Amino acid sequence: METTVFNPTQQHLLKLFAHDNSEAFAREIQTVLMRHFQEKLDREADRLWDEGILDQAKLDAIRTEDLHQKH
């Protein structure tokens, strides 16, 4: 049997979930994590826009691109 080694983030989350294993708590944690990563994504998109790396033409091109296609 193979042993799984958890990284520090995984260990912390496991300890956190050990205290309250309700479905409502799981949804709350999911919402918090989604908001956190959405804010990070928004900040990065703003930075790219401000630096001229990202613009409306590039966003329009991405919209028509098949991002699930393997290259």
PDB file of N, CA and C in Angstrom:
ATOM      1  N   MET A   1       0.825  -1.170   0.000  1.00  0.00           N
ATOM      2  CA  MET A   1       0.000   0.000   0.000  1.00  0.00           C
ATOM      3  C   MET A   1       0.878   1.246   0.000  1.00  0.00           C
ATOM      4  N   GLU A   2       0.512   2.222  -0.837  1.00  0.00           N
ATOM      5  CA  GLU A   2       1.285   3.446  -0.977  1.00  0.00           C
ATOM      6  C   GLU A   2       0.877   4.465   0.091  1.00  0.00           C
ATOM      7  N   THR A   3       1.844   5.127   0.682  1.00  0.00           N
ATOM      8  CA  THR A   3       1.585   6.131   1.706  1.00  0.00           C
ATOM      9  C   THR A   3       1.399   7.497   1.056  1.00  0.00           C
ATOM     10  N   THR A   4       0.384   8.202   1.493  1.00  0.00           N
ATOM     11  CA  THR A   4       0.142   9.552   0.991  1.00  0.00           C
ATOM     12  C   THR A   4       0.742  10.552   1.959  1.00  0.00           C
ATOM     13  N   VAL A   5       1.525  11.474   1.424  1.00  0.00           N
ATOM     14  CA  VAL A   5       2.125  12.526   2.231  1.00  0.00           C
ATOM     15  C   VAL A   5       1.386  13.823   1.901  1.00  0.00           C
ATOM     16  N   PHE A   6       0.805  14.439   2.914  1.00  0.00           N
ATOM     17  CA  PHE A   6       0.070  15.675   2.723  1.00  0.00           C
ATOM     18  C   PHE A   6       0.996  16.873   2.895  1.00  0.00           C
ATOM     19  N   ASN A   7       0.800  17.871   2.056  1.00  0.00           N
ATOM     20  CA  ASN A   7       1.582  19.096   2.196  1.00  0.00           C
ATOM     21  C   ASN A   7       0.996  19.909   3.362  1.00  0.00           C
ATOM     22  N   PRO A   8       1.682  20.955   3.799  1.00  0.00           N
ATOM     23  CA  PRO A   8       1.206  21.718   4.959  1.00  0.00           C
ATOM     24  C   PRO A   8      -0.206  22.280   4.788  1.00  0.00           C
ATOM     25  N   THR A   9      -0.561  22.711   3.613  1.00  0.00           N
ATOM     26  CA  THR A   9      -1.914  23.242   3.388  1.00  0.00           C
ATOM     27  C   THR A   9      -2.955  22.145   3.574  1.00  0.00           C
ATOM     28  N   GLN A  10      -2.696  20.992   3.011  1.00  0.00           N
ATOM     29  CA  GLN A  10      -3.622  19.867   3.160  1.00  0.00           C
ATOM     30  C   GLN A  10      -3.752  19.460   4.624  1.00  0.00           C
ATOM     31  N   GLN A  11      -2.639  19.440   5.348  1.00  0.00           N
ATOM     32  CA  GLN A  11      -2.674  19.078   6.760  1.00  0.00           C
ATOM     33  C   GLN A  11      -3.522  20.075   7.549  1.00  0.00           C
ATOM     34  N   HIS A  12      -3.345  21.347   7.259  1.00  0.00           N
ATOM     35  CA  HIS A  12      -4.106  22.376   7.962  1.00  0.00           C
ATOM     36  C   HIS A  12      -5.598  22.228   7.678  1.00  0.00           C
ATOM     37  N   LEU A  13      -5.957  21.997   6.425  1.00  0.00           N
ATOM     38  CA  LEU A  13      -7.374  21.832   6.075  1.00  0.00           C
ATOM     39  C   LEU A  13      -7.977  20.596   6.744  1.00  0.00           C
ATOM     40  N   LEU A  14      -7.224  19.518   6.810  1.00  0.00           N
ATOM     41  CA  LEU A  14      -7.724  18.323   7.485  1.00  0.00           C
ATOM     42  C   LEU A  14      -7.985  18.599   8.962  1.00  0.00           C
ATOM     43  N   LYS A  15      -7.086  19.330   9.608  1.00  0.00           N
ATOM     44  CA  LYS A  15      -7.290  19.681  11.022  1.00  0.00           C
ATOM     45  C   LYS A  15      -8.506  20.578  11.172  1.00  0.00           C
ATOM     46  N   LEU A  16      -8.686  21.507  10.255  1.00  0.00           N
ATOM     47  CA  LEU A  16      -9.822  22.419  10.302  1.00  0.00           C
ATOM     48  C   LEU A  16     -11.137  21.660  10.177  1.00  0.00           C
ATOM     49  N   PHE A  17     -11.197  20.743   9.249  1.00  0.00           N
ATOM     50  CA  PHE A  17     -12.426  19.989   9.027  1.00  0.00           C
ATOM     51  C   PHE A  17     -12.688  18.956  10.122  1.00  0.00           C
ATOM     52  N   ALA A  18     -11.710  18.631  10.912  1.00  0.00           N
ATOM     53  CA  ALA A  18     -11.899  17.657  11.985  1.00  0.00           C
ATOM     54  C   ALA A  18     -12.801  18.216  13.089  1.00  0.00           C
ATOM     55  N   HIS A  19     -12.905  19.522  13.182  1.00  0.00           N
ATOM     56  CA  HIS A  19     -13.685  20.144  14.247  1.00  0.00           C
ATOM     57  C   HIS A  19     -15.169  20.274  13.921  1.00  0.00           C
ATOM     58  N   ASP A  20     -15.497  20.423  12.669  1.00  0.00           N
ATOM     59  CA  ASP A  20     -16.900  20.583  12.267  1.00  0.00           C
ATOM     60  C   ASP A  20     -17.057  19.940  10.898  1.00  0.00           C
ATOM     61  N   ASN A  21     -17.696  18.804  10.861  1.00  0.00           N
ATOM     62  CA  ASN A  21     -17.801  18.071   9.595  1.00  0.00           C
ATOM     63  C   ASN A  21     -19.192  18.202   8.965  1.00  0.00           C
ATOM     64  N   SER A  22     -19.910  19.277   9.282  1.00  0.00           N
ATOM     65  CA  SER A  22     -21.247  19.455   8.728  1.00  0.00           C
ATOM     66  C   SER A  22     -21.171  19.905   7.272  1.00  0.00           C
ATOM     67  N   GLU A  23     -22.223  19.649   6.546  1.00  0.00           N
ATOM     68  CA  GLU A  23     -22.319  20.063   5.150  1.00  0.00           C
ATOM     69  C   GLU A  23     -22.307  21.590   5.043  1.00  0.00           C
ATOM     70  N   ALA A  24     -22.974  22.261   5.984  1.00  0.00           N
ATOM     71  CA  ALA A  24     -23.016  23.725   5.970  1.00  0.00           C
ATOM     72  C   ALA A  24     -21.614  24.305   6.139  1.00  0.00           C
ATOM     73  N   PHE A  25     -20.821  23.721   7.016  1.00  0.00           N
ATOM     74  CA  PHE A  25     -19.451  24.202   7.228  1.00  0.00           C
ATOM     75  C   PHE A  25     -18.625  23.982   5.972  1.00  0.00           C
ATOM     76  N   ALA A  26     -18.787  22.848   5.323  1.00  0.00           N
ATOM     77  CA  ALA A  26     -18.056  22.563   4.089  1.00  0.00           C
ATOM     78  C   ALA A  26     -18.410  23.588   3.006  1.00  0.00           C
ATOM     79  N   ARG A  27     -19.691  23.928   2.886  1.00  0.00           N
ATOM     80  CA  ARG A  27     -20.107  24.937   1.900  1.00  0.00           C
ATOM     81  C   ARG A  27     -19.521  26.311   2.241  1.00  0.00           C
ATOM     82  N   GLU A  28     -19.485  26.631   3.531  1.00  0.00           N
ATOM     83  CA  GLU A  28     -18.919  27.913   3.950  1.00  0.00           C
ATOM     84  C   GLU A  28     -17.439  28.000   3.591  1.00  0.00           C
ATOM     85  N   ILE A  29     -16.702  26.942   3.853  1.00  0.00           N
ATOM     86  CA  ILE A  29     -15.271  26.905   3.515  1.00  0.00           C
ATOM     87  C   ILE A  29     -15.093  27.015   2.002  1.00  0.00           C
ATOM     88  N   GLN A  30     -15.920  26.313   1.253  1.00  0.00           N
ATOM     89  CA  GLN A  30     -15.847  26.373  -0.204  1.00  0.00           C
ATOM     90  C   GLN A  30     -16.075  27.804  -0.691  1.00  0.00           C
ATOM     91  N   THR A  31     -17.054  28.491  -0.113  1.00  0.00           N
ATOM     92  CA  THR A  31     -17.349  29.866  -0.504  1.00  0.00           C
ATOM     93  C   THR A  31     -16.173  30.781  -0.186  1.00  0.00           C
ATOM     94  N   VAL A  32     -15.591  30.620   0.983  1.00  0.00           N
ATOM     95  CA  VAL A  32     -14.448  31.439   1.376  1.00  0.00           C
ATOM     96  C   VAL A  32     -13.275  31.220   0.420  1.00  0.00           C
ATOM     97  N   LEU A  33     -12.997  29.966   0.095  1.00  0.00           N
ATOM     98  CA  LEU A  33     -11.893  29.671  -0.815  1.00  0.00           C
ATOM     99  C   LEU A  33     -12.158  30.209  -2.216  1.00  0.00           C
ATOM    100  N   MET A  34     -13.392  30.061  -2.704  1.00  0.00           N
ATOM    101  CA  MET A  34     -13.726  30.573  -4.033  1.00  0.00           C
ATOM    102  C   MET A  34     -13.557  32.090  -4.075  1.00  0.00           C
ATOM    103  N   ARG A  35     -14.010  32.785  -3.050  1.00  0.00           N
ATOM    104  CA  ARG A  35     -13.861  34.246  -3.011  1.00  0.00           C
ATOM    105  C   ARG A  35     -12.389  34.646  -2.990  1.00  0.00           C
ATOM    106  N   HIS A  36     -11.608  33.943  -2.200  1.00  0.00           N
ATOM    107  CA  HIS A  36     -10.175  34.234  -2.101  1.00  0.00           C
ATOM    108  C   HIS A  36      -9.504  34.116  -3.471  1.00  0.00           C
ATOM    109  N   PHE A  37      -9.742  32.998  -4.146  1.00  0.00           N
ATOM    110  CA  PHE A  37      -9.082  32.792  -5.438  1.00  0.00           C
ATOM    111  C   PHE A  37      -9.664  33.690  -6.525  1.00  0.00           C
ATOM    112  N   GLN A  38     -10.932  34.051  -6.435  1.00  0.00           N
ATOM    113  CA  GLN A  38     -11.512  34.999  -7.387  1.00  0.00           C
ATOM    114  C   GLN A  38     -10.878  36.371  -7.225  1.00  0.00           C
ATOM    115  N   GLU A  39     -10.640  36.781  -5.980  1.00  0.00           N
ATOM    116  CA  GLU A  39      -9.986  38.065  -5.728  1.00  0.00           C
ATOM    117  C   GLU A  39      -8.558  38.074  -6.272  1.00  0.00           C
ATOM    118  N   LYS A  40      -7.847  36.957  -6.105  1.00  0.00           N
ATOM    119  CA  LYS A  40      -6.489  36.850  -6.654  1.00  0.00           C
ATOM    120  C   LYS A  40      -6.520  36.939  -8.175  1.00  0.00           C
ATOM    121  N   LEU A  41      -7.475  36.247  -8.788  1.00  0.00           N
ATOM    122  CA  LEU A  41      -7.616  36.268 -10.237  1.00  0.00           C
ATOM    123  C   LEU A  41      -7.946  37.679 -10.723  1.00  0.00           C
ATOM    124  N   ASP A  42      -8.855  38.353 -10.037  1.00  0.00           N
ATOM    125  CA  ASP A  42      -9.228  39.722 -10.405  1.00  0.00           C
ATOM    126  C   ASP A  42      -8.030  40.672 -10.319  1.00  0.00           C
ATOM    127  N   ARG A  43      -7.244  40.544  -9.238  1.00  0.00           N
ATOM    128  CA  ARG A  43      -6.061  41.405  -9.092  1.00  0.00           C
ATOM    129  C   ARG A  43      -5.063  41.165 -10.222  1.00  0.00           C
ATOM    130  N   GLU A  44      -4.866  39.906 -10.566  1.00  0.00           N
ATOM    131  CA  GLU A  44      -3.918  39.581 -11.635  1.00  0.00           C
ATOM    132  C   GLU A  44      -4.436  40.085 -12.986  1.00  0.00           C
ATOM    133  N   ALA A  45      -5.719  39.926 -13.247  1.00  0.00           N
ATOM    134  CA  ALA A  45      -6.304  40.420 -14.497  1.00  0.00           C
ATOM    135  C   ALA A  45      -6.185  41.945 -14.567  1.00  0.00           C
ATOM    136  N   ASP A  46      -6.427  42.621 -13.454  1.00  0.00           N
ATOM    137  CA  ASP A  46      -6.275  44.080 -13.410  1.00  0.00           C
ATOM    138  C   ASP A  46      -4.838  44.487 -13.702  1.00  0.00           C
ATOM    139  N   ARG A  47      -3.893  43.754 -13.130  1.00  0.00           N
ATOM    140  CA  ARG A  47      -2.476  44.063 -13.359  1.00  0.00           C
ATOM    141  C   ARG A  47      -2.129  43.899 -14.833  1.00  0.00           C
ATOM    142  N   LEU A  48      -2.574  42.782 -15.428  1.00  0.00           N
ATOM    143  CA  LEU A  48      -2.293  42.539 -16.841  1.00  0.00           C
ATOM    144  C   LEU A  48      -2.927  43.614 -17.721  1.00  0.00           C
ATOM    145  N   TRP A  49      -4.138  44.027 -17.356  1.00  0.00           N
ATOM    146  CA  TRP A  49      -4.822  45.079 -18.117  1.00  0.00           C
ATOM    147  C   TRP A  49      -4.056  46.404 -18.000  1.00  0.00           C
ATOM    148  N   ASP A  50      -3.684  46.759 -16.774  1.00  0.00           N
ATOM    149  CA  ASP A  50      -2.974  48.022 -16.529  1.00  0.00           C
ATOM    150  C   ASP A  50      -1.626  48.057 -17.239  1.00  0.00           C
ATOM    151  N   GLU A  51      -0.978  46.901 -17.379  1.00  0.00           N
ATOM    152  CA  GLU A  51       0.325  46.845 -18.039  1.00  0.00           C
ATOM    153  C   GLU A  51       0.202  46.685 -19.549  1.00  0.00           C
ATOM    154  N   GLY A  52      -1.029  46.616 -20.056  1.00  0.00           N
ATOM    155  CA  GLY A  52      -1.238  46.505 -21.497  1.00  0.00           C
ATOM    156  C   GLY A  52      -1.029  45.114 -22.057  1.00  0.00           C
ATOM    157  N   ILE A  53      -0.861  44.141 -21.183  1.00  0.00           N
ATOM    158  CA  ILE A  53      -0.676  42.757 -21.623  1.00  0.00           C
ATOM    159  C   ILE A  53      -2.007  42.145 -22.039  1.00  0.00           C
ATOM    160  N   LEU A  54      -3.069  42.574 -21.392  1.00  0.00           N
ATOM    161  CA  LEU A  54      -4.419  42.091 -21.661  1.00  0.00           C
ATOM    162  C   LEU A  54      -5.271  43.266 -22.114  1.00  0.00           C
ATOM    163  N   ASP A  55      -6.049  43.038 -23.180  1.00  0.00           N
ATOM    164  CA  ASP A  55      -6.968  44.071 -23.654  1.00  0.00           C
ATOM    165  C   ASP A  55      -8.243  43.409 -24.169  1.00  0.00           C
ATOM    166  N   GLN A  56      -9.192  44.219 -24.624  1.00  0.00           N
ATOM    167  CA  GLN A  56     -10.473  43.673 -25.057  1.00  0.00           C
ATOM    168  C   GLN A  56     -10.324  42.733 -26.246  1.00  0.00           C
ATOM    169  N   ALA A  57      -9.428  43.040 -27.155  1.00  0.00           N
ATOM    170  CA  ALA A  57      -9.219  42.170 -28.320  1.00  0.00           C
ATOM    171  C   ALA A  57      -8.740  40.785 -27.880  1.00  0.00           C
ATOM    172  N   LYS A  58      -7.844  40.735 -26.914  1.00  0.00           N
ATOM    173  CA  LYS A  58      -7.349  39.444 -26.417  1.00  0.00           C
ATOM    174  C   LYS A  58      -8.446  38.688 -25.682  1.00  0.00           C
ATOM    175  N   LEU A  59      -9.265  39.408 -24.907  1.00  0.00           N
ATOM    176  CA  LEU A  59     -10.378  38.756 -24.226  1.00  0.00           C
ATOM    177  C   LEU A  59     -11.371  38.177 -25.239  1.00  0.00           C
ATOM    178  N   ASP A  60     -11.637  38.923 -26.314  1.00  0.00           N
ATOM    179  CA  ASP A  60     -12.543  38.433 -27.351  1.00  0.00           C
ATOM    180  C   ASP A  60     -11.979  37.187 -28.025  1.00  0.00           C
ATOM    181  N   ALA A  61     -10.662  37.155 -28.241  1.00  0.00           N
ATOM    182  CA  ALA A  61     -10.028  35.994 -28.859  1.00  0.00           C
ATOM    183  C   ALA A  61     -10.108  34.770 -27.947  1.00  0.00           C
ATOM    184  N   ILE A  62      -9.925  34.980 -26.669  1.00  0.00           N
ATOM    185  CA  ILE A  62     -10.004  33.876 -25.701  1.00  0.00           C
ATOM    186  C   ILE A  62     -11.413  33.302 -25.668  1.00  0.00           C
ATOM    187  N   ARG A  63     -12.410  34.170 -25.789  1.00  0.00           N
ATOM    188  CA  ARG A  63     -13.804  33.733 -25.718  1.00  0.00           C
ATOM    189  C   ARG A  63     -14.137  32.695 -26.797  1.00  0.00           C
ATOM    190  N   THR A  64     -13.516  32.797 -27.956  1.00  0.00           N
ATOM    191  CA  THR A  64     -13.813  31.870 -29.055  1.00  0.00           C
ATOM    192  C   THR A  64     -12.874  30.663 -29.077  1.00  0.00           C
ATOM    193  N   GLU A  65     -11.894  30.664 -28.222  1.00  0.00           N
ATOM    194  CA  GLU A  65     -10.903  29.586 -28.185  1.00  0.00           C
ATOM    195  C   GLU A  65     -11.421  28.390 -27.391  1.00  0.00           C
ATOM    196  N   ASP A  66     -11.122  27.185 -27.881  1.00  0.00           N
ATOM    197  CA  ASP A  66     -11.476  25.969 -27.158  1.00  0.00           C
ATOM    198  C   ASP A  66     -10.375  25.690 -26.142  1.00  0.00           C
ATOM    199  N   LEU A  67     -10.602  26.080 -24.899  1.00  0.00           N
ATOM    200  CA  LEU A  67      -9.580  25.958 -23.872  1.00  0.00           C
ATOM    201  C   LEU A  67      -9.425  24.541 -23.351  1.00  0.00           C
ATOM    202  N   HIS A  68     -10.348  23.648 -23.716  1.00  0.00           N
ATOM    203  CA  HIS A  68     -10.267  22.252 -23.280  1.00  0.00           C
ATOM    204  C   HIS A  68      -9.526  21.382 -24.286  1.00  0.00           C
ATOM    205  N   GLN A  69      -9.222  21.939 -25.423  1.00  0.00           N
ATOM    206  CA  GLN A  69      -8.531  21.195 -26.471  1.00  0.00           C
ATOM    207  C   GLN A  69      -7.074  20.969 -26.055  1.00  0.00           C
ATOM    208  N   LYS A  70      -6.598  19.759 -26.237  1.00  0.00           N
ATOM    209  CA  LYS A  70      -5.202  19.447 -25.915  1.00  0.00           C
ATOM    210  C   LYS A  70      -4.321  19.885 -27.072  1.00  0.00           C
ATOM    211  N   HIS A  71      -3.198  20.499 -26.735  1.00  0.00           N
ATOM    212  CA  HIS A  71      -2.284  20.989 -27.763  1.00  0.00           C
ATOM    213  C   HIS A  71      -1.127  20.062 -27.933  1.00  0.00           C
TER     214      HIS A  71
END
